[in-house]
Amino acid sequence: MSSSTVARAMRLLAELGEGERSLEQLAGVLDVHKSTALRLLRPMEEERIVQRDAAHRYRLGPQLFALAGQALEQRGIRTVAAPHLRELNAATGQTVHLAAYEGGEVVYIDKYDSRHPVRMYSRIGLRAALHCAAVAKVLLADLPVSERRQIAEGLEYTPYTAHTLTTPAALLAELDTVAAQGWARDHAEHESFINCVAAPVRDASGRVVAAVSVSVPDMLLPYEQVLALLPRLRAATAAISADCGWTPTPLGREA
């Protein structure tokens, strides 16, 4: 297969990434006759890279999504997130965590330390407290409501500080808020001198697959200034999500 053929095939796939198209439309993208476009599409259709419906309109096929999923699995969320986490850590100077929900537990899977002498105790592989850690709230808030309730009712509510949530009702109300606003906080709930904000990382389907947080001792920044880091944090998680294949659905359009 020549390089020009590959380039044309990639242009067709990019066009189909915007939505289904007719053969005539795809030929127009390449400025070629429909028979030429058809010759490019047939082998991709045979391999299920593209699909054609009864109305003879083309769309991306299941094999392409399978390959994309395998590529992401090979890289892993840590690899995908790493450059964005490093940038966030450098820009804020604060501790940055990456966490995932695994087997009913929220686990820190990556960490970038603060450049300041005062640092929080945490490490890769450590479990986060489900009822107070900001990353845990982000990950739990993406679960179905019935599953949230089951988890909340089964927790032991250790009161780490005066601000720790101590009842299922309080946690469920907090998760509703997190789901609605798209980020979570830990306002001195796990450690009395640490404030934290967290935001979700989504995969191509929109599912939350990880959470990123910025944690700051209050002797470095007051709580209000930690909240001011949210735009930078959310820009980082949006960039990671984009690298995972997620595209936000514009308001007013169906997914």
Protein backbone atom coordinates (compact mmCIF):
# COMPACT_ATOMS: atom_id res chain seq x y z
CA MET A 1 0.00 0.00 0.00
CA SER A 2 1.47 3.35 -1.04
CA SER A 3 1.94 6.27 1.33
CA SER A 4 -0.63 8.29 -0.64
CA THR A 5 -3.21 5.52 -0.21
CA VAL A 6 -2.57 5.43 3.55
CA ALA A 7 -2.84 9.21 3.73
CA ARG A 8 -6.17 9.15 1.89
CA ALA A 9 -7.51 6.38 4.12
CA MET A 10 -6.53 8.37 7.21
CA ARG A 11 -8.34 11.42 5.84
CA LEU A 12 -11.47 9.34 5.40
CA LEU A 13 -11.23 8.02 8.97
CA ALA A 14 -10.73 11.55 10.29
CA GLU A 15 -13.82 12.68 8.40
CA LEU A 16 -15.87 9.77 9.77
CA GLY A 17 -14.69 10.75 13.23
CA GLU A 18 -16.94 13.81 12.81
CA GLY A 19 -19.98 11.63 12.04
CA GLU A 20 -21.48 9.35 9.42
CA ARG A 21 -21.00 10.29 5.77
CA SER A 22 -22.24 9.15 2.35
CA LEU A 23 -19.91 7.81 -0.31
CA GLU A 24 -20.41 11.01 -2.29
CA GLN A 25 -19.41 13.14 0.70
CA LEU A 26 -16.29 11.05 1.34
CA ALA A 27 -15.30 11.28 -2.32
CA GLY A 28 -15.68 15.04 -2.04
CA VAL A 29 -13.33 15.17 0.93
CA LEU A 30 -10.61 13.59 -1.20
CA ASP A 31 -11.70 15.36 -4.41
CA VAL A 32 -11.82 12.01 -6.23
CA HIS A 33 -14.43 9.96 -8.09
CA LYS A 34 -16.75 7.84 -5.98
CA SER A 35 -15.21 4.66 -7.41
CA THR A 36 -11.81 5.72 -6.04
CA ALA A 37 -13.24 6.40 -2.60
CA LEU A 38 -15.01 3.04 -2.72
CA ARG A 39 -11.73 1.23 -3.43
CA LEU A 40 -10.28 2.80 -0.29
CA LEU A 41 -13.31 1.99 1.85
CA ARG A 42 -13.83 -1.65 0.82
CA PRO A 43 -10.77 -3.15 2.56
CA MET A 44 -11.51 -1.09 5.67
CA GLU A 45 -15.09 -2.33 5.61
CA GLU A 46 -13.90 -5.93 5.30
CA GLU A 47 -11.71 -5.45 8.37
CA ARG A 48 -14.58 -3.67 10.22
CA ILE A 49 -12.56 -0.46 10.48
CA VAL A 50 -15.60 1.23 8.93
CA GLN A 51 -19.22 0.13 8.62
CA ARG A 52 -21.89 0.84 5.99
CA ASP A 53 -25.57 0.92 6.94
CA ALA A 54 -28.67 0.10 4.91
CA ALA A 55 -28.81 3.68 3.62
CA HIS A 56 -25.24 3.27 2.30
CA ARG A 57 -23.80 5.75 4.80
CA TYR A 58 -20.45 5.04 6.40
CA ARG A 59 -19.40 5.29 10.04
CA LEU A 60 -16.42 4.17 12.12
CA GLY A 61 -16.47 0.43 12.83
CA PRO A 62 -15.99 -1.70 15.96
CA GLN A 63 -12.52 -2.91 15.05
CA LEU A 64 -11.22 0.66 15.10
CA PHE A 65 -12.58 1.16 18.61
CA ALA A 66 -11.06 -2.15 19.69
CA LEU A 67 -7.65 -1.10 18.40
CA ALA A 68 -7.95 2.28 20.10
CA GLY A 69 -8.80 0.57 23.39
CA GLN A 70 -5.82 -1.76 23.09
CA ALA A 71 -3.51 1.18 22.39
CA LEU A 72 -4.69 2.96 25.53
CA GLU A 73 -4.37 -0.19 27.64
CA GLN A 74 -0.80 -0.62 26.46
CA ARG A 75 0.04 2.94 27.44
CA GLY A 76 -1.88 2.86 30.72
CA ILE A 77 -3.49 5.84 32.41
CA ARG A 78 -0.27 6.65 34.30
CA THR A 79 1.64 6.98 31.04
CA VAL A 80 -1.08 9.05 29.42
CA ALA A 81 -1.40 11.35 32.44
CA ALA A 82 2.29 11.72 33.29
CA PRO A 83 3.23 14.77 31.18
CA HIS A 84 0.12 16.65 32.27
CA LEU A 85 0.69 15.80 35.94
CA ARG A 86 4.31 16.96 35.72
CA GLU A 87 3.17 20.23 34.18
CA LEU A 88 0.48 20.72 36.84
CA ASN A 89 3.01 19.98 39.59
CA ALA A 90 5.52 22.43 38.13
CA ALA A 91 2.91 25.16 37.62
CA THR A 92 1.43 24.95 41.14
CA GLY A 93 4.44 23.75 43.13
CA GLN A 94 2.03 21.57 45.11
CA THR A 95 1.55 17.83 45.60
CA VAL A 96 -0.32 16.19 42.73
CA HIS A 97 -1.92 12.74 42.98
CA LEU A 98 -3.44 10.38 40.42
CA ALA A 99 -5.91 7.84 41.85
CA ALA A 100 -8.09 5.05 40.49
CA TYR A 101 -11.00 2.95 41.78
CA GLU A 102 -9.90 -0.67 41.94
CA GLY A 103 -11.74 -3.55 43.57
CA GLY A 104 -13.87 -1.38 45.81
CA GLU A 105 -10.91 0.77 46.91
CA VAL A 106 -9.48 4.08 45.78
CA VAL A 107 -5.72 3.74 45.34
CA TYR A 108 -3.07 6.36 44.61
CA ILE A 109 -1.34 5.20 41.43
CA ASP A 110 1.00 8.16 40.90
CA LYS A 111 2.32 11.11 42.87
CA TYR A 112 4.36 14.25 42.22
CA ASP A 113 5.73 15.85 45.38
CA SER A 114 5.47 19.49 46.36
CA ARG A 115 8.59 21.59 45.92
CA HIS A 116 8.01 23.06 49.37
CA PRO A 117 9.63 21.62 52.55
CA VAL A 118 6.20 20.96 54.11
CA ARG A 119 4.68 17.91 52.39
CA MET A 120 1.77 15.58 53.05
CA TYR A 121 2.28 11.93 53.88
CA SER A 122 1.15 9.74 51.00
CA ARG A 123 2.63 7.24 48.59
CA ILE A 124 1.82 5.30 45.44
CA GLY A 125 -0.24 2.24 46.37
CA LEU A 126 -1.77 3.81 49.48
CA ARG A 127 -5.55 3.54 49.81
CA ALA A 128 -7.54 6.77 50.11
CA ALA A 129 -10.30 7.15 52.68
CA LEU A 130 -13.56 6.81 50.75
CA HIS A 131 -15.56 9.16 52.95
CA CYS A 132 -13.22 12.14 52.93
CA ALA A 133 -10.51 12.08 50.23
CA ALA A 134 -11.30 14.37 47.29
CA VAL A 135 -10.13 11.79 44.74
CA ALA A 136 -12.43 9.19 46.31
CA LYS A 137 -15.41 11.53 46.07
CA VAL A 138 -14.73 12.13 42.37
CA LEU A 139 -14.50 8.41 41.61
CA LEU A 140 -17.52 7.40 43.71
CA ALA A 141 -19.65 10.21 42.26
CA ASP A 142 -19.43 8.61 38.81
CA LEU A 143 -20.95 5.34 40.02
CA PRO A 144 -24.67 4.56 39.65
CA VAL A 145 -26.71 6.03 42.50
CA SER A 146 -27.64 2.57 43.84
CA GLU A 147 -23.97 1.57 44.00
CA ARG A 148 -23.06 4.84 45.73
CA ARG A 149 -25.69 4.15 48.36
CA GLN A 150 -24.49 0.60 48.91
CA ILE A 151 -20.90 1.78 49.40
CA ALA A 152 -21.89 4.67 51.65
CA GLU A 153 -23.96 2.45 53.90
CA GLY A 154 -21.13 -0.06 54.26
CA LEU A 155 -18.33 2.34 55.27
CA GLU A 156 -16.77 2.84 58.66
CA TYR A 157 -16.82 6.60 59.19
CA THR A 158 -13.58 7.26 61.02
CA PRO A 159 -13.69 10.93 62.20
CA TYR A 160 -10.18 12.03 61.25
CA THR A 161 -10.90 15.72 61.93
CA ALA A 162 -13.77 17.93 63.02
CA HIS A 163 -14.67 18.36 59.33
CA THR A 164 -14.85 14.66 58.39
CA LEU A 165 -18.18 13.41 57.02
CA THR A 166 -19.52 10.86 59.48
CA THR A 167 -22.81 9.54 58.08
CA PRO A 168 -23.98 7.87 54.86
CA ALA A 169 -26.48 10.69 54.30
CA ALA A 170 -23.74 13.33 54.48
CA LEU A 171 -21.50 11.44 52.07
CA LEU A 172 -24.31 10.77 49.58
CA ALA A 173 -25.28 14.46 49.60
CA GLU A 174 -21.63 15.35 48.98
CA LEU A 175 -21.42 12.89 46.07
CA ASP A 176 -24.53 14.44 44.52
CA THR A 177 -22.80 17.83 44.69
CA VAL A 178 -19.59 16.44 43.18
CA ALA A 179 -21.47 14.79 40.33
CA ALA A 180 -23.27 18.05 39.56
CA GLN A 181 -20.28 20.41 39.72
CA GLY A 182 -17.62 18.11 38.26
CA TRP A 183 -15.02 18.41 41.03
CA ALA A 184 -14.53 17.56 44.70
CA ARG A 185 -12.87 19.01 47.76
CA ASP A 186 -11.31 17.79 50.96
CA HIS A 187 -11.56 20.81 53.24
CA ALA A 188 -9.38 19.61 56.13
CA GLU A 189 -11.44 16.41 56.31
CA HIS A 190 -8.62 13.84 56.42
CA GLU A 191 -5.83 15.94 57.88
CA SER A 192 -6.64 19.14 59.73
CA PHE A 193 -3.88 21.13 58.01
CA ILE A 194 -4.40 19.89 54.41
CA ASN A 195 -6.87 21.19 51.82
CA CYS A 196 -7.35 19.42 48.52
CA VAL A 197 -9.28 19.72 45.26
CA ALA A 198 -9.78 16.91 42.73
CA ALA A 199 -11.25 16.51 39.24
CA PRO A 200 -12.12 13.52 37.02
CA VAL A 201 -10.28 11.92 34.11
CA ARG A 202 -12.63 10.36 31.54
CA ASP A 203 -12.10 7.76 28.84
CA ALA A 204 -13.58 7.79 25.33
CA SER A 205 -16.95 6.60 26.64
CA GLY A 206 -17.14 9.40 29.21
CA ARG A 207 -16.62 7.06 32.15
CA VAL A 208 -14.44 8.40 34.98
CA VAL A 209 -11.34 6.19 35.02
CA ALA A 210 -9.13 8.23 37.37
CA ALA A 211 -9.01 11.34 39.50
CA VAL A 212 -6.31 13.99 39.84
CA SER A 213 -5.88 16.11 42.95
CA VAL A 214 -3.81 19.03 44.18
CA SER A 215 -3.13 18.97 47.92
CA VAL A 216 -1.84 21.97 49.86
CA PRO A 217 -0.95 22.50 53.55
CA ASP A 218 -2.84 25.49 54.93
CA MET A 219 0.41 27.08 56.10
CA LEU A 220 1.27 27.50 52.39
CA LEU A 221 -2.11 28.55 51.01
CA PRO A 222 -5.47 29.24 52.66
CA TYR A 223 -8.46 27.23 51.49
CA GLU A 224 -9.76 30.00 49.21
CA GLN A 225 -6.47 30.08 47.31
CA VAL A 226 -6.53 26.30 46.95
CA LEU A 227 -9.93 26.65 45.28
CA ALA A 228 -8.31 29.18 42.93
CA LEU A 229 -6.17 26.29 41.58
CA LEU A 230 -9.29 24.57 40.21
CA PRO A 231 -9.13 26.05 36.67
CA ARG A 232 -5.55 24.85 36.25
CA LEU A 233 -6.44 21.42 37.69
CA ARG A 234 -9.47 21.03 35.44
CA ALA A 235 -7.47 22.07 32.39
CA ALA A 236 -5.00 19.29 33.21
CA THR A 237 -7.70 16.64 33.64
CA ALA A 238 -9.41 17.79 30.45
CA ALA A 239 -6.12 17.38 28.57
CA ILE A 240 -5.60 13.88 29.99
CA SER A 241 -9.18 12.96 29.13
CA ALA A 242 -8.67 14.21 25.58
CA ASP A 243 -5.59 11.98 25.29
CA CYS A 244 -7.80 9.10 26.46
CA GLY A 245 -10.20 9.80 23.59
CA TRP A 246 -12.88 11.75 25.43
CA THR A 247 -14.69 14.54 23.59
CA PRO A 248 -17.22 16.59 25.58
CA THR A 249 -20.66 16.65 23.99
CA PRO A 250 -21.65 20.24 23.12
CA LEU A 251 -24.73 21.50 24.92
CA GLY A 252 -27.85 20.89 22.90
CA ARG A 253 -26.41 17.93 20.97
CA GLU A 254 -27.05 14.29 21.64
CA ALA A 255 -24.06 12.05 22.17
